[in-house]
Amino acid sequence: MSDAQPSSSPVRALVRRTARRVGREQQLLLAYETCCRALESPATRRNLRDNERVRCVAAAVLAEDSNCIDVGANVGDLLALFTELAPRGRHIAFEPVPELSDQLARRFPQVDVRQAALSDQVGSSTFVVNTRLASRSSLHSVGYPEEHTKSITTRVETLDAALPAGYVPHLVKVDVEGAEHLVLRGGLETLREHQPMIIFEHQRATASHYGTGPEEMFDLLVEGIDMRIFDMDGRGPYSRDRLREAYESGSRWNFFAVAARRPAA
């Protein structure tokens, strides 16, 4: 649920400028984007499709005054979407990387930006920053070479303890490189009470470094919070076995969960 699309890159801008000079803008842009798609890996294409569908999923659930929580906000791509769809909502973003947190606070002055990680306990913790791709940072090392990472100390909060009195979340996004089970554990009371839509990433490449997996995610979301899990294509609800199959095969890693039952009228 991250990584910019190739079509928004500086290279595309250069192609556009050159194409305009020679009077062949549409033809050259089409050729460029066709080449980009051909060179993309299946995982990249899946991520791009999932990113597009997050907008549809969020638009279906958010009103103008809905409240969103962005856990692992990174550079704010999805936070920008949430503030656009719900401009009168009270939004909270958690981002432990200091440089990114500072950038978010400047970019989104209307958002409560917390320089902190979410987990199942309150205190402080070592946080491993990926210096090449900050979106791959996490509370634990998740297999990247040491020369590409650095360790910092960050504040750690729980969702249950961090929210202002009376705050009702309508959407929670969790993209924390394998620590998603810790975020859910620390927010069970809030999530049970309000049952917001939860958009989350869960994949073997990162979760396995935490000694967790799809069974724990299924137990927390389905058994613990009474939700149903779908992938970003809308397929589901996922059973425990189907979630395990997606995890093992790497066919899907972006999901959303919604309340299993509608609230009483």
Protein backbone atom coordinates (compact mmCIF):
# COMPACT_ATOMS: atom_id res chain seq x y z
CA MET A 1 0.00 0.00 0.00
CA SER A 2 2.84 2.30 -0.79
CA ASP A 3 5.47 3.11 -3.43
CA ALA A 4 4.78 5.74 -6.08
CA GLN A 5 3.60 4.70 -9.52
CA PRO A 6 6.16 4.92 -12.34
CA SER A 7 3.80 7.25 -14.22
CA SER A 8 4.39 9.95 -11.59
CA SER A 9 8.19 9.74 -11.77
CA PRO A 10 10.64 12.47 -12.88
CA VAL A 11 11.41 10.33 -15.93
CA ARG A 12 7.80 10.61 -17.07
CA ALA A 13 7.98 14.39 -16.68
CA LEU A 14 11.12 14.45 -18.84
CA VAL A 15 9.41 12.30 -21.48
CA ARG A 16 6.41 14.65 -21.46
CA ARG A 17 8.58 17.76 -21.93
CA THR A 18 10.53 16.14 -24.77
CA ALA A 19 7.35 14.89 -26.43
CA ARG A 20 5.82 18.36 -26.34
CA ARG A 21 8.86 19.84 -28.06
CA VAL A 22 8.62 17.39 -30.95
CA GLY A 23 4.80 17.49 -31.11
CA ARG A 24 4.29 13.82 -30.24
CA GLU A 25 3.16 13.99 -26.61
CA GLN A 26 0.41 11.36 -26.59
CA GLN A 27 2.29 8.88 -28.74
CA LEU A 28 5.51 9.03 -26.71
CA LEU A 29 3.72 8.96 -23.36
CA LEU A 30 1.77 5.90 -24.43
CA ALA A 31 4.97 4.17 -25.56
CA TYR A 32 6.74 5.10 -22.30
CA GLU A 33 3.95 3.81 -20.07
CA THR A 34 3.63 0.63 -22.11
CA CYS A 35 7.36 -0.02 -21.54
CA CYS A 36 7.00 0.71 -17.82
CA ARG A 37 4.17 -1.80 -17.49
CA ALA A 38 6.17 -4.41 -19.38
CA LEU A 39 9.12 -3.99 -17.01
CA GLU A 40 7.09 -4.06 -13.80
CA SER A 41 7.21 -7.20 -11.71
CA PRO A 42 3.93 -9.01 -10.91
CA ALA A 43 4.27 -7.81 -7.30
CA THR A 44 4.63 -4.20 -8.44
CA ARG A 45 1.59 -4.49 -10.67
CA ARG A 46 -0.40 -6.03 -7.82
CA ASN A 47 0.64 -3.20 -5.48
CA LEU A 48 -0.41 -0.58 -8.03
CA ARG A 49 -3.80 -2.21 -8.51
CA ASP A 50 -4.30 -2.49 -4.76
CA ASN A 51 -3.36 1.16 -4.27
CA GLU A 52 -6.02 2.17 -6.81
CA ARG A 53 -8.63 0.05 -5.07
CA VAL A 54 -7.90 1.54 -1.65
CA ARG A 55 -9.49 4.74 -2.96
CA CYS A 56 -12.66 2.88 -3.91
CA VAL A 57 -12.80 1.05 -0.59
CA ALA A 58 -12.20 4.23 1.43
CA ALA A 59 -14.68 6.25 -0.63
CA ALA A 60 -17.36 3.66 0.08
CA VAL A 61 -17.03 3.95 3.86
CA LEU A 62 -15.96 7.54 4.58
CA ALA A 63 -18.27 10.51 5.05
CA GLU A 64 -17.05 14.12 5.11
CA ASP A 65 -16.67 14.01 8.90
CA SER A 66 -15.32 10.46 9.29
CA ASN A 67 -12.25 9.93 11.47
CA CYS A 68 -9.23 8.02 10.11
CA ILE A 69 -6.17 6.58 11.83
CA ASP A 70 -3.08 6.01 9.66
CA VAL A 71 -0.64 3.63 11.36
CA GLY A 72 2.65 3.71 9.50
CA ALA A 73 1.82 6.86 7.54
CA ASN A 74 5.20 7.01 5.78
CA VAL A 75 5.18 9.90 3.27
CA GLY A 76 1.42 10.43 3.57
CA ASP A 77 0.07 9.11 0.25
CA LEU A 78 -2.94 7.46 1.89
CA LEU A 79 -3.24 10.15 4.53
CA ALA A 80 -3.74 12.62 1.67
CA LEU A 81 -6.56 10.40 0.37
CA PHE A 82 -8.23 10.23 3.79
CA THR A 83 -8.10 13.98 4.33
CA GLU A 84 -9.48 14.53 0.83
CA LEU A 85 -12.41 12.14 1.31
CA ALA A 86 -13.12 13.21 4.90
CA PRO A 87 -12.06 16.88 5.12
CA ARG A 88 -14.00 17.50 8.35
CA GLY A 89 -12.78 14.38 10.13
CA ARG A 90 -10.33 14.21 13.04
CA HIS A 91 -7.39 12.25 11.67
CA ILE A 92 -4.45 10.77 13.57
CA ALA A 93 -1.22 9.57 11.97
CA PHE A 94 1.50 7.46 13.59
CA GLU A 95 4.96 7.58 12.00
CA PRO A 96 8.09 6.74 14.06
CA VAL A 97 10.74 7.87 11.54
CA PRO A 98 11.55 11.45 12.70
CA GLU A 99 12.19 12.92 9.25
CA LEU A 100 8.95 11.51 7.88
CA SER A 101 6.96 12.52 10.94
CA ASP A 102 8.21 16.09 10.65
CA GLN A 103 7.33 16.19 6.96
CA LEU A 104 3.83 14.89 7.69
CA ALA A 105 3.26 17.51 10.36
CA ARG A 106 4.20 20.26 7.91
CA ARG A 107 2.19 18.80 5.03
CA PHE A 108 -0.92 18.04 7.10
CA PRO A 109 -1.28 20.73 9.78
CA GLN A 110 -4.89 19.63 10.34
CA VAL A 111 -3.81 16.09 11.30
CA ASP A 112 -2.66 14.93 14.75
CA VAL A 113 0.73 13.50 13.73
CA ARG A 114 2.42 11.33 16.38
CA GLN A 115 6.11 10.50 16.16
CA ALA A 116 5.53 7.06 17.62
CA ALA A 117 4.99 3.42 16.76
CA LEU A 118 1.89 1.47 17.75
CA SER A 119 2.23 -1.87 19.50
CA ASP A 120 0.63 -3.84 22.35
CA GLN A 121 2.50 -1.98 25.09
CA VAL A 122 3.34 1.59 26.07
CA GLY A 123 6.94 2.77 26.50
CA SER A 124 9.91 2.99 24.17
CA SER A 125 11.54 0.58 21.75
CA THR A 126 14.32 0.19 19.24
CA PHE A 127 13.05 0.88 15.72
CA VAL A 128 14.89 -0.31 12.59
CA VAL A 129 14.89 2.32 9.83
CA ASN A 130 15.50 1.23 6.26
CA THR A 131 17.75 4.04 4.98
CA ARG A 132 17.09 3.21 1.33
CA LEU A 133 13.32 2.80 1.50
CA ALA A 134 11.79 4.20 4.67
CA SER A 135 8.46 2.45 4.04
CA ARG A 136 10.27 -0.83 4.83
CA SER A 137 11.13 0.28 8.39
CA SER A 138 9.78 -1.71 11.33
CA LEU A 139 10.02 -2.40 15.06
CA HIS A 140 12.13 -5.47 14.26
CA SER A 141 14.71 -6.18 11.61
CA VAL A 142 12.84 -7.87 8.76
CA GLY A 143 15.77 -9.23 6.81
CA TYR A 144 17.32 -6.22 5.08
CA PRO A 145 21.15 -5.94 5.04
CA GLU A 146 22.62 -4.11 8.03
CA GLU A 147 24.32 -1.58 5.75
CA HIS A 148 20.85 -0.50 4.57
CA THR A 149 19.42 0.03 8.05
CA LYS A 150 19.97 2.03 11.20
CA SER A 151 18.44 1.70 14.66
CA ILE A 152 16.74 4.52 16.53
CA THR A 153 14.74 4.70 19.75
CA THR A 154 11.09 5.56 19.37
CA ARG A 155 8.10 6.10 21.60
CA VAL A 156 5.60 3.23 21.57
CA GLU A 157 1.89 3.65 22.21
CA THR A 158 -1.16 1.41 22.07
CA LEU A 159 -4.22 2.33 20.07
CA ASP A 160 -6.45 1.87 23.10
CA ALA A 161 -4.41 4.28 25.24
CA ALA A 162 -3.51 6.82 22.53
CA LEU A 163 -6.92 8.02 21.38
CA PRO A 164 -8.55 11.18 22.78
CA ALA A 165 -11.61 10.75 24.99
CA GLY A 166 -14.72 10.26 22.89
CA TYR A 167 -12.81 9.66 19.67
CA VAL A 168 -14.61 7.28 17.27
CA PRO A 169 -12.49 5.87 14.41
CA HIS A 170 -14.25 4.96 11.17
CA LEU A 171 -11.21 3.70 9.25
CA VAL A 172 -7.85 2.39 10.47
CA LYS A 173 -4.99 1.73 8.06
CA VAL A 174 -2.15 -0.49 9.30
CA ASP A 175 1.05 -0.83 7.25
CA VAL A 176 3.84 -1.66 9.69
CA GLU A 177 6.00 -4.29 7.98
CA GLY A 178 5.08 -7.36 10.00
CA ALA A 179 4.03 -5.77 13.32
CA GLU A 180 0.33 -5.58 12.40
CA HIS A 181 -0.63 -8.19 15.00
CA LEU A 182 0.91 -5.98 17.72
CA VAL A 183 -1.13 -2.98 16.56
CA LEU A 184 -4.33 -5.04 16.69
CA ARG A 185 -3.51 -6.49 20.12
CA GLY A 186 -3.00 -3.00 21.49
CA GLY A 187 -6.29 -1.77 20.05
CA LEU A 188 -8.70 -4.64 20.70
CA GLU A 189 -10.93 -2.64 23.05
CA THR A 190 -11.28 0.26 20.60
CA LEU A 191 -11.72 -1.98 17.57
CA ARG A 192 -14.35 -4.17 19.27
CA GLU A 193 -16.34 -1.17 20.41
CA HIS A 194 -16.35 0.82 17.16
CA GLN A 195 -15.56 -1.80 14.50
CA PRO A 196 -14.00 0.59 11.98
CA MET A 197 -12.96 -0.65 8.57
CA ILE A 198 -9.37 -1.88 8.87
CA ILE A 199 -7.11 -1.72 5.81
CA PHE A 200 -3.96 -3.74 6.47
CA GLU A 201 -0.93 -5.38 4.93
CA HIS A 202 0.12 -8.88 5.98
CA GLN A 203 2.79 -10.87 4.17
CA ARG A 204 5.22 -13.64 4.95
CA ALA A 205 8.34 -11.64 4.00
CA THR A 206 7.88 -9.39 7.05
CA ALA A 207 5.47 -11.12 9.46
CA SER A 208 7.65 -14.24 9.67
CA HIS A 209 10.37 -12.17 11.37
CA TYR A 210 7.94 -11.55 14.23
CA GLY A 211 7.10 -15.22 14.66
CA THR A 212 3.50 -14.58 13.68
CA GLY A 213 1.33 -15.38 10.70
CA PRO A 214 -2.17 -15.51 9.21
CA GLU A 215 -3.66 -17.67 11.97
CA GLU A 216 -3.01 -14.97 14.55
CA MET A 217 -4.37 -12.25 12.26
CA PHE A 218 -7.49 -14.34 11.61
CA ASP A 219 -7.99 -14.96 15.34
CA LEU A 220 -7.59 -11.27 16.18
CA LEU A 221 -9.83 -9.93 13.43
CA VAL A 222 -12.48 -12.63 13.02
CA GLU A 223 -12.61 -14.29 16.41
CA GLY A 224 -11.51 -11.30 18.49
CA ILE A 225 -13.24 -8.35 16.81
CA ASP A 226 -16.02 -10.12 14.85
CA MET A 227 -14.94 -8.92 11.41
CA ARG A 228 -14.76 -10.39 7.90
CA ILE A 229 -11.60 -10.24 5.80
CA PHE A 230 -11.50 -9.45 2.06
CA ASP A 231 -8.67 -8.81 -0.38
CA MET A 232 -8.48 -5.60 -2.38
CA ASP A 233 -10.26 -7.29 -5.31
CA GLY A 234 -13.27 -7.75 -3.01
CA ARG A 235 -12.83 -11.51 -2.81
CA GLY A 236 -13.87 -13.06 0.47
CA PRO A 237 -14.73 -13.34 3.21
CA TYR A 238 -11.48 -15.20 3.79
CA SER A 239 -11.45 -18.37 5.86
CA ARG A 240 -8.46 -19.24 8.03
CA ASP A 241 -7.23 -21.71 5.40
CA ARG A 242 -7.67 -19.26 2.54
CA LEU A 243 -5.74 -16.57 4.39
CA ARG A 244 -2.97 -19.08 5.04
CA GLU A 245 -2.88 -20.00 1.33
CA ALA A 246 -2.57 -16.34 0.28
CA TYR A 247 0.19 -15.85 2.87
CA GLU A 248 2.17 -18.93 1.81
CA SER A 249 1.81 -18.30 -1.93
CA GLY A 250 2.34 -14.54 -1.75
CA SER A 251 -0.64 -14.05 -4.05
CA ARG A 252 -2.24 -11.37 -1.83
CA TRP A 253 -0.91 -9.22 0.99
CA ASN A 254 -3.23 -6.20 1.09
CA PHE A 255 -6.60 -6.73 2.76
CA PHE A 256 -9.48 -4.97 4.44
CA ALA A 257 -11.72 -6.10 7.28
CA VAL A 258 -15.27 -4.97 7.98
CA ALA A 259 -17.79 -5.69 10.72
CA ALA A 260 -19.45 -9.08 10.36
CA ARG A 261 -22.81 -7.73 11.51
CA ARG A 262 -24.56 -4.44 10.84
CA PRO A 263 -25.34 -2.40 13.96
CA ALA A 264 -28.94 -2.56 15.15
CA ALA A 265 -31.18 0.19 13.75
